[in-house]
N, C-alpha and C. Protein backbone atom coordinates (compact mmCIF):
# COMPACT_ATOMS: atom_id res chain seq x y z
N MET A 1 111.43 120.69 155.40
CA MET A 1 111.42 119.41 156.08
C MET A 1 110.46 119.53 157.26
N ILE A 2 109.70 118.46 157.50
CA ILE A 2 108.69 118.43 158.56
C ILE A 2 109.14 117.49 159.65
N HIS A 3 109.21 117.93 160.89
CA HIS A 3 109.52 117.07 161.99
C HIS A 3 108.22 116.69 162.70
N THR A 4 108.00 115.42 162.85
CA THR A 4 106.78 114.93 163.54
C THR A 4 107.20 114.06 164.73
N HIS A 5 106.20 113.69 165.55
CA HIS A 5 106.52 112.81 166.69
C HIS A 5 106.97 111.42 166.21
N ASN A 6 106.65 111.07 164.98
CA ASN A 6 107.07 109.79 164.42
C ASN A 6 108.35 109.86 163.62
N GLY A 7 108.86 111.04 163.38
CA GLY A 7 110.12 111.17 162.66
C GLY A 7 110.18 112.40 161.79
N VAL A 8 110.87 112.27 160.67
CA VAL A 8 111.10 113.37 159.79
C VAL A 8 110.52 113.04 158.40
N ILE A 9 109.86 113.98 157.79
CA ILE A 9 109.36 113.80 156.45
C ILE A 9 109.98 114.83 155.54
N ALA A 10 110.54 114.39 154.45
CA ALA A 10 111.11 115.27 153.47
C ALA A 10 110.11 115.55 152.37
N ARG A 11 110.13 116.75 151.82
CA ARG A 11 109.26 117.09 150.73
C ARG A 11 109.88 116.68 149.39
N GLU A 12 111.03 116.05 149.47
CA GLU A 12 111.76 115.49 148.33
C GLU A 12 112.43 116.57 147.46
N THR A 13 112.71 117.73 148.07
CA THR A 13 113.56 118.67 147.34
C THR A 13 114.99 118.18 147.43
N LYS A 14 115.83 118.57 146.54
CA LYS A 14 117.22 118.09 146.55
C LYS A 14 117.87 118.47 147.86
N LYS A 15 117.67 119.69 148.32
CA LYS A 15 118.27 120.13 149.57
C LYS A 15 117.84 119.30 150.78
N GLU A 16 116.54 118.98 150.87
CA GLU A 16 116.04 118.21 151.97
C GLU A 16 116.53 116.73 151.91
N LEU A 17 116.58 116.22 150.71
CA LEU A 17 117.06 114.82 150.60
C LEU A 17 118.54 114.75 150.96
N LEU A 18 119.33 115.74 150.60
CA LEU A 18 120.73 115.76 150.98
C LEU A 18 120.86 115.93 152.49
N THR A 19 120.03 116.68 153.12
CA THR A 19 120.04 116.81 154.58
C THR A 19 119.73 115.45 155.22
N LEU A 20 118.74 114.71 154.72
CA LEU A 20 118.41 113.39 155.25
C LEU A 20 119.62 112.46 155.05
N LYS A 21 120.25 112.50 153.88
CA LYS A 21 121.43 111.70 153.62
C LYS A 21 122.53 112.00 154.64
N ASP A 22 122.80 113.29 154.90
CA ASP A 22 123.82 113.64 155.87
C ASP A 22 123.45 113.18 157.25
N MET A 23 122.18 113.32 157.66
CA MET A 23 121.76 112.89 158.98
C MET A 23 121.90 111.35 159.13
N THR A 24 121.63 110.64 158.10
CA THR A 24 121.78 109.17 158.15
C THR A 24 123.26 108.81 158.28
N GLU A 25 124.11 109.46 157.55
CA GLU A 25 125.51 109.11 157.57
C GLU A 25 126.18 109.39 158.94
N VAL A 26 125.70 110.33 159.70
CA VAL A 26 126.27 110.61 161.02
C VAL A 26 125.49 109.95 162.14
N GLY A 27 124.51 109.16 161.80
CA GLY A 27 123.76 108.41 162.82
C GLY A 27 122.64 109.18 163.48
N GLN A 28 122.25 110.31 162.96
CA GLN A 28 121.14 111.06 163.57
C GLN A 28 119.78 110.60 163.09
N LEU A 29 119.76 109.75 162.10
CA LEU A 29 118.52 109.28 161.55
C LEU A 29 118.64 107.79 161.19
N THR A 30 117.70 106.99 161.61
CA THR A 30 117.70 105.60 161.31
C THR A 30 116.59 105.30 160.28
N LEU A 31 116.95 104.61 159.23
CA LEU A 31 116.02 104.28 158.17
C LEU A 31 115.45 102.90 158.47
N ILE A 32 114.11 102.78 158.29
CA ILE A 32 113.45 101.45 158.45
C ILE A 32 112.88 101.12 157.11
N VAL A 33 113.38 100.01 156.54
CA VAL A 33 112.93 99.57 155.23
C VAL A 33 112.15 98.29 155.41
N ASP A 34 110.89 98.30 154.95
CA ASP A 34 110.05 97.09 154.98
C ASP A 34 110.47 96.07 153.96
N ARG A 35 110.53 96.53 152.71
CA ARG A 35 110.92 95.66 151.60
C ARG A 35 111.56 96.42 150.46
N VAL A 36 112.37 95.71 149.69
CA VAL A 36 112.96 96.28 148.46
C VAL A 36 112.43 95.47 147.29
N TYR A 37 111.87 96.15 146.33
CA TYR A 37 111.31 95.55 145.14
C TYR A 37 112.09 95.96 143.89
N PRO A 38 112.25 95.04 142.94
CA PRO A 38 112.83 95.48 141.66
C PRO A 38 111.78 96.34 140.93
N MET A 39 112.25 97.16 140.04
CA MET A 39 111.33 98.04 139.32
C MET A 39 110.26 97.26 138.60
N SER A 40 110.56 96.05 138.16
CA SER A 40 109.58 95.22 137.49
C SER A 40 108.39 94.84 138.38
N ASP A 41 108.52 94.99 139.71
CA ASP A 41 107.46 94.70 140.63
C ASP A 41 106.88 95.96 141.25
N ALA A 42 106.97 97.07 140.53
CA ALA A 42 106.50 98.39 141.05
C ALA A 42 105.01 98.31 141.42
N ALA A 43 104.21 97.63 140.66
CA ALA A 43 102.77 97.52 140.96
C ALA A 43 102.56 96.80 142.28
N GLN A 44 103.29 95.72 142.51
CA GLN A 44 103.23 95.00 143.78
C GLN A 44 103.68 95.89 144.95
N ALA A 45 104.72 96.66 144.71
CA ALA A 45 105.21 97.59 145.76
C ALA A 45 104.17 98.61 146.09
N HIS A 46 103.55 99.15 145.06
CA HIS A 46 102.51 100.12 145.26
C HIS A 46 101.34 99.52 146.07
N GLY A 47 100.98 98.32 145.75
CA GLY A 47 99.91 97.62 146.45
C GLY A 47 100.27 97.48 147.94
N ARG A 48 101.54 97.16 148.20
CA ARG A 48 101.97 97.01 149.63
C ARG A 48 101.81 98.37 150.37
N VAL A 49 102.12 99.47 149.73
CA VAL A 49 101.93 100.76 150.34
C VAL A 49 100.46 101.06 150.55
N GLU A 50 99.65 100.78 149.61
CA GLU A 50 98.19 101.08 149.68
C GLU A 50 97.53 100.30 150.75
N THR A 51 97.96 99.05 151.07
CA THR A 51 97.30 98.25 152.07
C THR A 51 97.72 98.65 153.49
N GLU A 52 98.71 99.52 153.59
CA GLU A 52 99.21 99.99 154.89
C GLU A 52 99.66 98.84 155.79
N GLN A 53 100.13 97.73 155.22
CA GLN A 53 100.66 96.60 155.97
C GLN A 53 102.13 96.71 156.24
N ARG A 54 102.77 97.75 155.72
CA ARG A 54 104.22 97.88 155.84
C ARG A 54 104.63 98.39 157.16
N THR A 55 105.84 98.10 157.56
CA THR A 55 106.40 98.57 158.83
C THR A 55 107.57 99.54 158.60
N GLY A 56 107.74 99.99 157.40
CA GLY A 56 108.82 100.91 157.05
C GLY A 56 108.66 101.34 155.64
N ALA A 57 109.71 101.89 155.07
CA ALA A 57 109.68 102.39 153.69
C ALA A 57 109.68 101.22 152.69
N ILE A 58 109.07 101.44 151.57
CA ILE A 58 109.10 100.54 150.46
C ILE A 58 110.11 101.15 149.45
N VAL A 59 111.07 100.34 149.03
CA VAL A 59 112.13 100.84 148.12
C VAL A 59 112.01 100.13 146.77
N LEU A 60 112.09 100.95 145.72
CA LEU A 60 112.19 100.40 144.36
C LEU A 60 113.65 100.45 143.95
N ALA A 61 114.21 99.30 143.67
CA ALA A 61 115.62 99.21 143.24
C ALA A 61 115.68 99.45 141.71
N ILE A 62 116.49 100.43 141.31
CA ILE A 62 116.61 100.75 139.90
C ILE A 62 118.00 100.35 139.46
N THR A 63 118.08 99.48 138.46
CA THR A 63 119.38 99.04 137.95
C THR A 63 119.95 100.11 136.99
N GLU A 64 121.21 99.99 136.73
CA GLU A 64 121.82 100.94 135.78
C GLU A 64 121.16 100.81 134.41
N GLN A 65 120.80 99.63 134.03
CA GLN A 65 120.18 99.42 132.72
C GLN A 65 118.82 100.16 132.70
N GLU A 66 118.02 100.06 133.78
CA GLU A 66 116.75 100.75 133.82
C GLU A 66 116.92 102.27 133.81
N GLN A 67 117.99 102.75 134.46
CA GLN A 67 118.23 104.19 134.43
C GLN A 67 118.53 104.63 132.98
N GLY A 68 119.26 103.82 132.27
CA GLY A 68 119.56 104.14 130.84
C GLY A 68 118.31 104.11 129.98
N ASP A 69 117.37 103.17 130.32
CA ASP A 69 116.17 103.03 129.56
C ASP A 69 115.27 104.26 129.74
N GLN A 70 115.30 104.90 130.90
CA GLN A 70 114.50 106.04 131.20
C GLN A 70 114.93 107.31 130.43
N SER A 71 116.15 107.33 130.02
CA SER A 71 116.66 108.52 129.30
C SER A 71 116.26 108.55 127.85
N THR A 72 115.73 107.46 127.32
CA THR A 72 115.37 107.42 125.89
C THR A 72 113.95 107.76 125.69
């Protein structure tokens, strides 16, 4: 995990993501979400990240049906 003057960056290992989850649950970390996009709008979400117009994280919402589709 990397601590910066702007916050914390996880390398997305399971251990680091669980640490971020725990920090969030006890109020040690505040998440800032710019927008939530459905998976069908992934290209639009990527475009939002690329333009650097966002003020927080971009989240892709994955439905249970989409999770099932990925396993096939």
